[in-house]
Amino acid sequence: MGEELTFEQAMQKLETIANELENDNLDLDTSVKKFEEGMKLSQKCNKILEEAEKKITILVNGEEKDFDVNKAE
């Protein structure tokens, strides 16, 4: 998983892994590897969402400050 995935790509891979774990008759070793990969993808998705939330918070707070300044005038 060295390549940089978008949120959508990571979610699609995560969904594929979940389906494989639910539907396929995988041996224990393969199941554990798939689960580990899924956990890494899940962490990546959470990180992307946290970064997006921070950016949105900064933008919203910046707009609120601009709005407050304009309101005072």
PDB file of N, CA and C in Angstrom:
ATOM      1  N   MET A   1       0.821  -1.202   0.000  1.00  0.00           N
ATOM      2  CA  MET A   1       0.000   0.000   0.000  1.00  0.00           C
ATOM      3  C   MET A   1       0.858   1.254   0.000  1.00  0.00           C
ATOM      4  N   GLY A   2       1.937   1.221  -0.777  1.00  0.00           N
ATOM      5  CA  GLY A   2       2.814   2.364  -0.828  1.00  0.00           C
ATOM      6  C   GLY A   2       2.251   3.518  -1.634  1.00  0.00           C
ATOM      7  N   GLU A   3       1.335   3.206  -2.584  1.00  0.00           N
ATOM      8  CA  GLU A   3       0.781   4.258  -3.419  1.00  0.00           C
ATOM      9  C   GLU A   3      -0.178   5.124  -2.609  1.00  0.00           C
ATOM     10  N   GLU A   4      -0.320   6.362  -3.052  1.00  0.00           N
ATOM     11  CA  GLU A   4      -1.203   7.307  -2.370  1.00  0.00           C
ATOM     12  C   GLU A   4      -2.615   7.135  -2.918  1.00  0.00           C
ATOM     13  N   LEU A   5      -3.529   6.714  -2.068  1.00  0.00           N
ATOM     14  CA  LEU A   5      -4.905   6.478  -2.478  1.00  0.00           C
ATOM     15  C   LEU A   5      -5.784   7.664  -2.120  1.00  0.00           C
ATOM     16  N   THR A   6      -6.786   7.884  -2.937  1.00  0.00           N
ATOM     17  CA  THR A   6      -7.803   8.863  -2.576  1.00  0.00           C
ATOM     18  C   THR A   6      -8.732   8.206  -1.558  1.00  0.00           C
ATOM     19  N   PHE A   7      -9.553   9.011  -0.913  1.00  0.00           N
ATOM     20  CA  PHE A   7     -10.524   8.483   0.035  1.00  0.00           C
ATOM     21  C   PHE A   7     -11.437   7.478  -0.646  1.00  0.00           C
ATOM     22  N   GLU A   8     -11.897   7.818  -1.833  1.00  0.00           N
ATOM     23  CA  GLU A   8     -12.821   6.945  -2.552  1.00  0.00           C
ATOM     24  C   GLU A   8     -12.166   5.613  -2.912  1.00  0.00           C
ATOM     25  N   GLN A   9     -10.904   5.657  -3.346  1.00  0.00           N
ATOM     26  CA  GLN A   9     -10.190   4.427  -3.690  1.00  0.00           C
ATOM     27  C   GLN A   9      -9.996   3.552  -2.449  1.00  0.00           C
ATOM     28  N   ALA A  10      -9.620   4.176  -1.347  1.00  0.00           N
ATOM     29  CA  ALA A  10      -9.408   3.428  -0.104  1.00  0.00           C
ATOM     30  C   ALA A  10     -10.711   2.792   0.364  1.00  0.00           C
ATOM     31  N   MET A  11     -11.813   3.530   0.276  1.00  0.00           N
ATOM     32  CA  MET A  11     -13.107   2.987   0.685  1.00  0.00           C
ATOM     33  C   MET A  11     -13.526   1.827  -0.218  1.00  0.00           C
ATOM     34  N   GLN A  12     -13.247   1.945  -1.515  1.00  0.00           N
ATOM     35  CA  GLN A  12     -13.601   0.871  -2.441  1.00  0.00           C
ATOM     36  C   GLN A  12     -12.797  -0.395  -2.113  1.00  0.00           C
ATOM     37  N   LYS A  13     -11.504  -0.239  -1.843  1.00  0.00           N
ATOM     38  CA  LYS A  13     -10.678  -1.393  -1.479  1.00  0.00           C
ATOM     39  C   LYS A  13     -11.151  -1.996  -0.160  1.00  0.00           C
ATOM     40  N   LEU A  14     -11.518  -1.130   0.775  1.00  0.00           N
ATOM     41  CA  LEU A  14     -12.006  -1.601   2.067  1.00  0.00           C
ATOM     42  C   LEU A  14     -13.296  -2.407   1.897  1.00  0.00           C
ATOM     43  N   GLU A  15     -14.177  -1.939   1.035  1.00  0.00           N
ATOM     44  CA  GLU A  15     -15.418  -2.659   0.764  1.00  0.00           C
ATOM     45  C   GLU A  15     -15.140  -4.023   0.127  1.00  0.00           C
ATOM     46  N   THR A  16     -14.176  -4.054  -0.788  1.00  0.00           N
ATOM     47  CA  THR A  16     -13.803  -5.316  -1.435  1.00  0.00           C
ATOM     48  C   THR A  16     -13.272  -6.310  -0.410  1.00  0.00           C
ATOM     49  N   ILE A  17     -12.416  -5.835   0.486  1.00  0.00           N
ATOM     50  CA  ILE A  17     -11.860  -6.705   1.528  1.00  0.00           C
ATOM     51  C   ILE A  17     -12.965  -7.222   2.438  1.00  0.00           C
ATOM     52  N   ALA A  18     -13.879  -6.338   2.825  1.00  0.00           N
ATOM     53  CA  ALA A  18     -14.988  -6.755   3.693  1.00  0.00           C
ATOM     54  C   ALA A  18     -15.814  -7.840   3.010  1.00  0.00           C
ATOM     55  N   ASN A  19     -16.082  -7.671   1.727  1.00  0.00           N
ATOM     56  CA  ASN A  19     -16.848  -8.680   0.972  1.00  0.00           C
ATOM     57  C   ASN A  19     -16.097  -9.997   0.894  1.00  0.00           C
ATOM     58  N   GLU A  20     -14.784  -9.929   0.669  1.00  0.00           N
ATOM     59  CA  GLU A  20     -13.975 -11.146   0.607  1.00  0.00           C
ATOM     60  C   GLU A  20     -13.999 -11.879   1.946  1.00  0.00           C
ATOM     61  N   LEU A  21     -13.890 -11.122   3.025  1.00  0.00           N
ATOM     62  CA  LEU A  21     -13.896 -11.752   4.343  1.00  0.00           C
ATOM     63  C   LEU A  21     -15.253 -12.365   4.668  1.00  0.00           C
ATOM     64  N   GLU A  22     -16.318 -11.745   4.202  1.00  0.00           N
ATOM     65  CA  GLU A  22     -17.661 -12.246   4.478  1.00  0.00           C
ATOM     66  C   GLU A  22     -18.041 -13.426   3.586  1.00  0.00           C
ATOM     67  N   ASN A  23     -17.654 -13.370   2.316  1.00  0.00           N
ATOM     68  CA  ASN A  23     -18.177 -14.322   1.336  1.00  0.00           C
ATOM     69  C   ASN A  23     -17.230 -15.442   0.941  1.00  0.00           C
ATOM     70  N   ASP A  24     -15.936 -15.199   0.998  1.00  0.00           N
ATOM     71  CA  ASP A  24     -14.989 -16.208   0.530  1.00  0.00           C
ATOM     72  C   ASP A  24     -14.586 -17.147   1.656  1.00  0.00           C
ATOM     73  N   ASN A  25     -14.251 -18.339   1.281  1.00  0.00           N
ATOM     74  CA  ASN A  25     -13.718 -19.305   2.238  1.00  0.00           C
ATOM     75  C   ASN A  25     -12.204 -19.175   2.260  1.00  0.00           C
ATOM     76  N   LEU A  26     -11.726 -18.175   2.967  1.00  0.00           N
ATOM     77  CA  LEU A  26     -10.300 -17.913   3.035  1.00  0.00           C
ATOM     78  C   LEU A  26      -9.687 -18.697   4.183  1.00  0.00           C
ATOM     79  N   ASP A  27      -8.423 -19.108   3.991  1.00  0.00           N
ATOM     80  CA  ASP A  27      -7.748 -19.748   5.110  1.00  0.00           C
ATOM     81  C   ASP A  27      -7.408 -18.683   6.159  1.00  0.00           C
ATOM     82  N   LEU A  28      -7.051 -19.119   7.341  1.00  0.00           N
ATOM     83  CA  LEU A  28      -6.839 -18.215   8.463  1.00  0.00           C
ATOM     84  C   LEU A  28      -5.753 -17.187   8.161  1.00  0.00           C
ATOM     85  N   ASP A  29      -4.652 -17.622   7.578  1.00  0.00           N
ATOM     86  CA  ASP A  29      -3.540 -16.708   7.285  1.00  0.00           C
ATOM     87  C   ASP A  29      -3.968 -15.616   6.311  1.00  0.00           C
ATOM     88  N   THR A  30      -4.681 -15.983   5.268  1.00  0.00           N
ATOM     89  CA  THR A  30      -5.159 -15.010   4.288  1.00  0.00           C
ATOM     90  C   THR A  30      -6.176 -14.067   4.925  1.00  0.00           C
ATOM     91  N   SER A  31      -7.052 -14.611   5.748  1.00  0.00           N
ATOM     92  CA  SER A  31      -8.046 -13.781   6.434  1.00  0.00           C
ATOM     93  C   SER A  31      -7.376 -12.740   7.319  1.00  0.00           C
ATOM     94  N   VAL A  32      -6.349 -13.146   8.041  1.00  0.00           N
ATOM     95  CA  VAL A  32      -5.635 -12.215   8.924  1.00  0.00           C
ATOM     96  C   VAL A  32      -4.954 -11.127   8.099  1.00  0.00           C
ATOM     97  N   LYS A  33      -4.344 -11.500   6.979  1.00  0.00           N
ATOM     98  CA  LYS A  33      -3.687 -10.512   6.120  1.00  0.00           C
ATOM     99  C   LYS A  33      -4.706  -9.525   5.551  1.00  0.00           C
ATOM    100  N   LYS A  34      -5.851 -10.035   5.118  1.00  0.00           N
ATOM    101  CA  LYS A  34      -6.915  -9.165   4.592  1.00  0.00           C
ATOM    102  C   LYS A  34      -7.418  -8.225   5.686  1.00  0.00           C
ATOM    103  N   PHE A  35      -7.583  -8.761   6.896  1.00  0.00           N
ATOM    104  CA  PHE A  35      -8.047  -7.948   8.015  1.00  0.00           C
ATOM    105  C   PHE A  35      -7.047  -6.840   8.324  1.00  0.00           C
ATOM    106  N   GLU A  36      -5.746  -7.187   8.340  1.00  0.00           N
ATOM    107  CA  GLU A  36      -4.700  -6.181   8.583  1.00  0.00           C
ATOM    108  C   GLU A  36      -4.721  -5.091   7.513  1.00  0.00           C
ATOM    109  N   GLU A  37      -4.861  -5.491   6.257  1.00  0.00           N
ATOM    110  CA  GLU A  37      -4.933  -4.522   5.169  1.00  0.00           C
ATOM    111  C   GLU A  37      -6.159  -3.624   5.336  1.00  0.00           C
ATOM    112  N   GLY A  38      -7.274  -4.230   5.718  1.00  0.00           N
ATOM    113  CA  GLY A  38      -8.495  -3.466   5.948  1.00  0.00           C
ATOM    114  C   GLY A  38      -8.334  -2.458   7.076  1.00  0.00           C
ATOM    115  N   MET A  39      -7.648  -2.846   8.131  1.00  0.00           N
ATOM    116  CA  MET A  39      -7.422  -1.927   9.251  1.00  0.00           C
ATOM    117  C   MET A  39      -6.562  -0.741   8.810  1.00  0.00           C
ATOM    118  N   LYS A  40      -5.540  -1.007   8.004  1.00  0.00           N
ATOM    119  CA  LYS A  40      -4.695   0.080   7.494  1.00  0.00           C
ATOM    120  C   LYS A  40      -5.499   1.033   6.617  1.00  0.00           C
ATOM    121  N   LEU A  41      -6.347   0.473   5.767  1.00  0.00           N
ATOM    122  CA  LEU A  41      -7.195   1.302   4.912  1.00  0.00           C
ATOM    123  C   LEU A  41      -8.176   2.120   5.741  1.00  0.00           C
ATOM    124  N   SER A  42      -8.722   1.507   6.771  1.00  0.00           N
ATOM    125  CA  SER A  42      -9.655   2.207   7.654  1.00  0.00           C
ATOM    126  C   SER A  42      -8.962   3.378   8.344  1.00  0.00           C
ATOM    127  N   GLN A  43      -7.752   3.156   8.810  1.00  0.00           N
ATOM    128  CA  GLN A  43      -6.979   4.225   9.448  1.00  0.00           C
ATOM    129  C   GLN A  43      -6.682   5.341   8.464  1.00  0.00           C
ATOM    130  N   LYS A  44      -6.369   4.975   7.224  1.00  0.00           N
ATOM    131  CA  LYS A  44      -6.100   5.982   6.198  1.00  0.00           C
ATOM    132  C   LYS A  44      -7.345   6.818   5.935  1.00  0.00           C
ATOM    133  N   CYS A  45      -8.496   6.167   5.830  1.00  0.00           N
ATOM    134  CA  CYS A  45      -9.750   6.896   5.608  1.00  0.00           C
ATOM    135  C   CYS A  45     -10.029   7.853   6.765  1.00  0.00           C
ATOM    136  N   ASN A  46      -9.828   7.382   7.990  1.00  0.00           N
ATOM    137  CA  ASN A  46     -10.031   8.251   9.151  1.00  0.00           C
ATOM    138  C   ASN A  46      -9.097   9.451   9.117  1.00  0.00           C
ATOM    139  N   LYS A  47      -7.853   9.232   8.731  1.00  0.00           N
ATOM    140  CA  LYS A  47      -6.878  10.325   8.657  1.00  0.00           C
ATOM    141  C   LYS A  47      -7.301  11.356   7.605  1.00  0.00           C
ATOM    142  N   ILE A  48      -7.744  10.883   6.451  1.00  0.00           N
ATOM    143  CA  ILE A  48      -8.196  11.784   5.389  1.00  0.00           C
ATOM    144  C   ILE A  48      -9.394  12.602   5.871  1.00  0.00           C
ATOM    145  N   LEU A  49     -10.340  11.948   6.559  1.00  0.00           N
ATOM    146  CA  LEU A  49     -11.513  12.652   7.068  1.00  0.00           C
ATOM    147  C   LEU A  49     -11.140  13.681   8.129  1.00  0.00           C
ATOM    148  N   GLU A  50     -10.199  13.331   9.004  1.00  0.00           N
ATOM    149  CA  GLU A  50      -9.751  14.269  10.040  1.00  0.00           C
ATOM    150  C   GLU A  50      -9.093  15.498   9.412  1.00  0.00           C
ATOM    151  N   GLU A  51      -8.266  15.280   8.379  1.00  0.00           N
ATOM    152  CA  GLU A  51      -7.616  16.398   7.699  1.00  0.00           C
ATOM    153  C   GLU A  51      -8.649  17.290   7.013  1.00  0.00           C
ATOM    154  N   ALA A  52      -9.645  16.674   6.394  1.00  0.00           N
ATOM    155  CA  ALA A  52     -10.704  17.453   5.744  1.00  0.00           C
ATOM    156  C   ALA A  52     -11.483  18.261   6.779  1.00  0.00           C
ATOM    157  N   GLU A  53     -11.759  17.644   7.914  1.00  0.00           N
ATOM    158  CA  GLU A  53     -12.491  18.339   8.980  1.00  0.00           C
ATOM    159  C   GLU A  53     -11.690  19.544   9.489  1.00  0.00           C
ATOM    160  N   LYS A  54     -10.375  19.378   9.648  1.00  0.00           N
ATOM    161  CA  LYS A  54      -9.528  20.493  10.084  1.00  0.00           C
ATOM    162  C   LYS A  54      -9.573  21.637   9.073  1.00  0.00           C
ATOM    163  N   LYS A  55      -9.480  21.293   7.789  1.00  0.00           N
ATOM    164  CA  LYS A  55      -9.519  22.325   6.744  1.00  0.00           C
ATOM    165  C   LYS A  55     -10.856  23.061   6.766  1.00  0.00           C
ATOM    166  N   ILE A  56     -11.941  22.304   6.915  1.00  0.00           N
ATOM    167  CA  ILE A  56     -13.266  22.925   6.943  1.00  0.00           C
ATOM    168  C   ILE A  56     -13.390  23.834   8.160  1.00  0.00           C
ATOM    169  N   THR A  57     -12.897  23.371   9.308  1.00  0.00           N
ATOM    170  CA  THR A  57     -12.953  24.182  10.529  1.00  0.00           C
ATOM    171  C   THR A  57     -12.180  25.479  10.343  1.00  0.00           C
ATOM    172  N   ILE A  58     -11.008  25.396   9.737  1.00  0.00           N
ATOM    173  CA  ILE A  58     -10.203  26.597   9.488  1.00  0.00           C
ATOM    174  C   ILE A  58     -10.944  27.550   8.559  1.00  0.00           C
ATOM    175  N   LEU A  59     -11.525  26.997   7.497  1.00  0.00           N
ATOM    176  CA  LEU A  59     -12.269  27.834   6.553  1.00  0.00           C
ATOM    177  C   LEU A  59     -13.476  28.478   7.218  1.00  0.00           C
ATOM    178  N   VAL A  60     -14.226  27.705   7.978  1.00  0.00           N
ATOM    179  CA  VAL A  60     -15.413  28.233   8.639  1.00  0.00           C
ATOM    180  C   VAL A  60     -15.029  29.287   9.661  1.00  0.00           C
ATOM    181  N   ASN A  61     -14.007  29.017  10.457  1.00  0.00           N
ATOM    182  CA  ASN A  61     -13.572  29.988  11.458  1.00  0.00           C
ATOM    183  C   ASN A  61     -13.045  31.255  10.799  1.00  0.00           C
ATOM    184  N   GLY A  62     -12.347  31.113   9.689  1.00  0.00           N
ATOM    185  CA  GLY A  62     -11.862  32.278   8.945  1.00  0.00           C
ATOM    186  C   GLY A  62     -13.008  33.111   8.428  1.00  0.00           C
ATOM    187  N   GLU A  63     -14.044  32.445   7.908  1.00  0.00           N
ATOM    188  CA  GLU A  63     -15.220  33.160   7.403  1.00  0.00           C
ATOM    189  C   GLU A  63     -15.967  33.830   8.542  1.00  0.00           C
ATOM    190  N   GLU A  64     -16.029  33.173   9.698  1.00  0.00           N
ATOM    191  CA  GLU A  64     -16.706  33.773  10.846  1.00  0.00           C
ATOM    192  C   GLU A  64     -15.986  35.048  11.280  1.00  0.00           C
ATOM    193  N   LYS A  65     -14.651  35.001  11.273  1.00  0.00           N
ATOM    194  CA  LYS A  65     -13.883  36.192  11.640  1.00  0.00           C
ATOM    195  C   LYS A  65     -14.131  37.307  10.629  1.00  0.00           C
ATOM    196  N   ASP A  66     -14.117  36.956   9.346  1.00  0.00           N
ATOM    197  CA  ASP A  66     -14.392  37.951   8.312  1.00  0.00           C
ATOM    198  C   ASP A  66     -15.791  38.511   8.483  1.00  0.00           C
ATOM    199  N   PHE A  67     -16.734  37.636   8.793  1.00  0.00           N
ATOM    200  CA  PHE A  67     -18.118  38.058   8.965  1.00  0.00           C
ATOM    201  C   PHE A  67     -18.233  39.006  10.171  1.00  0.00           C
ATOM    202  N   ASP A  68     -17.566  38.665  11.264  1.00  0.00           N
ATOM    203  CA  ASP A  68     -17.612  39.512  12.443  1.00  0.00           C
ATOM    204  C   ASP A  68     -17.028  40.899  12.150  1.00  0.00           C
ATOM    205  N   VAL A  69     -15.948  40.948  11.403  1.00  0.00           N
ATOM    206  CA  VAL A  69     -15.327  42.234  11.069  1.00  0.00           C
ATOM    207  C   VAL A  69     -16.283  43.056  10.212  1.00  0.00           C
ATOM    208  N   ASN A  70     -16.877  42.445   9.219  1.00  0.00           N
ATOM    209  CA  ASN A  70     -17.817  43.147   8.352  1.00  0.00           C
ATOM    210  C   ASN A  70     -19.063  43.602   9.124  1.00  0.00           C
ATOM    211  N   LYS A  71     -19.491  42.787  10.068  1.00  0.00           N
ATOM    212  CA  LYS A  71     -20.671  43.132  10.852  1.00  0.00           C
ATOM    213  C   LYS A  71     -20.419  44.352  11.741  1.00  0.00           C
ATOM    214  N   ALA A  72     -19.175  44.484  12.211  1.00  0.00           N
ATOM    215  CA  ALA A  72     -18.838  45.588  13.108  1.00  0.00           C
ATOM    216  C   ALA A  72     -18.785  46.911  12.360  1.00  0.00           C
ATOM    217  N   GLU A  73     -18.586  46.835  11.057  1.00  0.00           N
ATOM    218  CA  GLU A  73     -18.451  48.086  10.280  1.00  0.00           C
ATOM    219  C   GLU A  73     -19.747  48.754   9.997  1.00  0.00           C
TER     220      GLU A  73
END
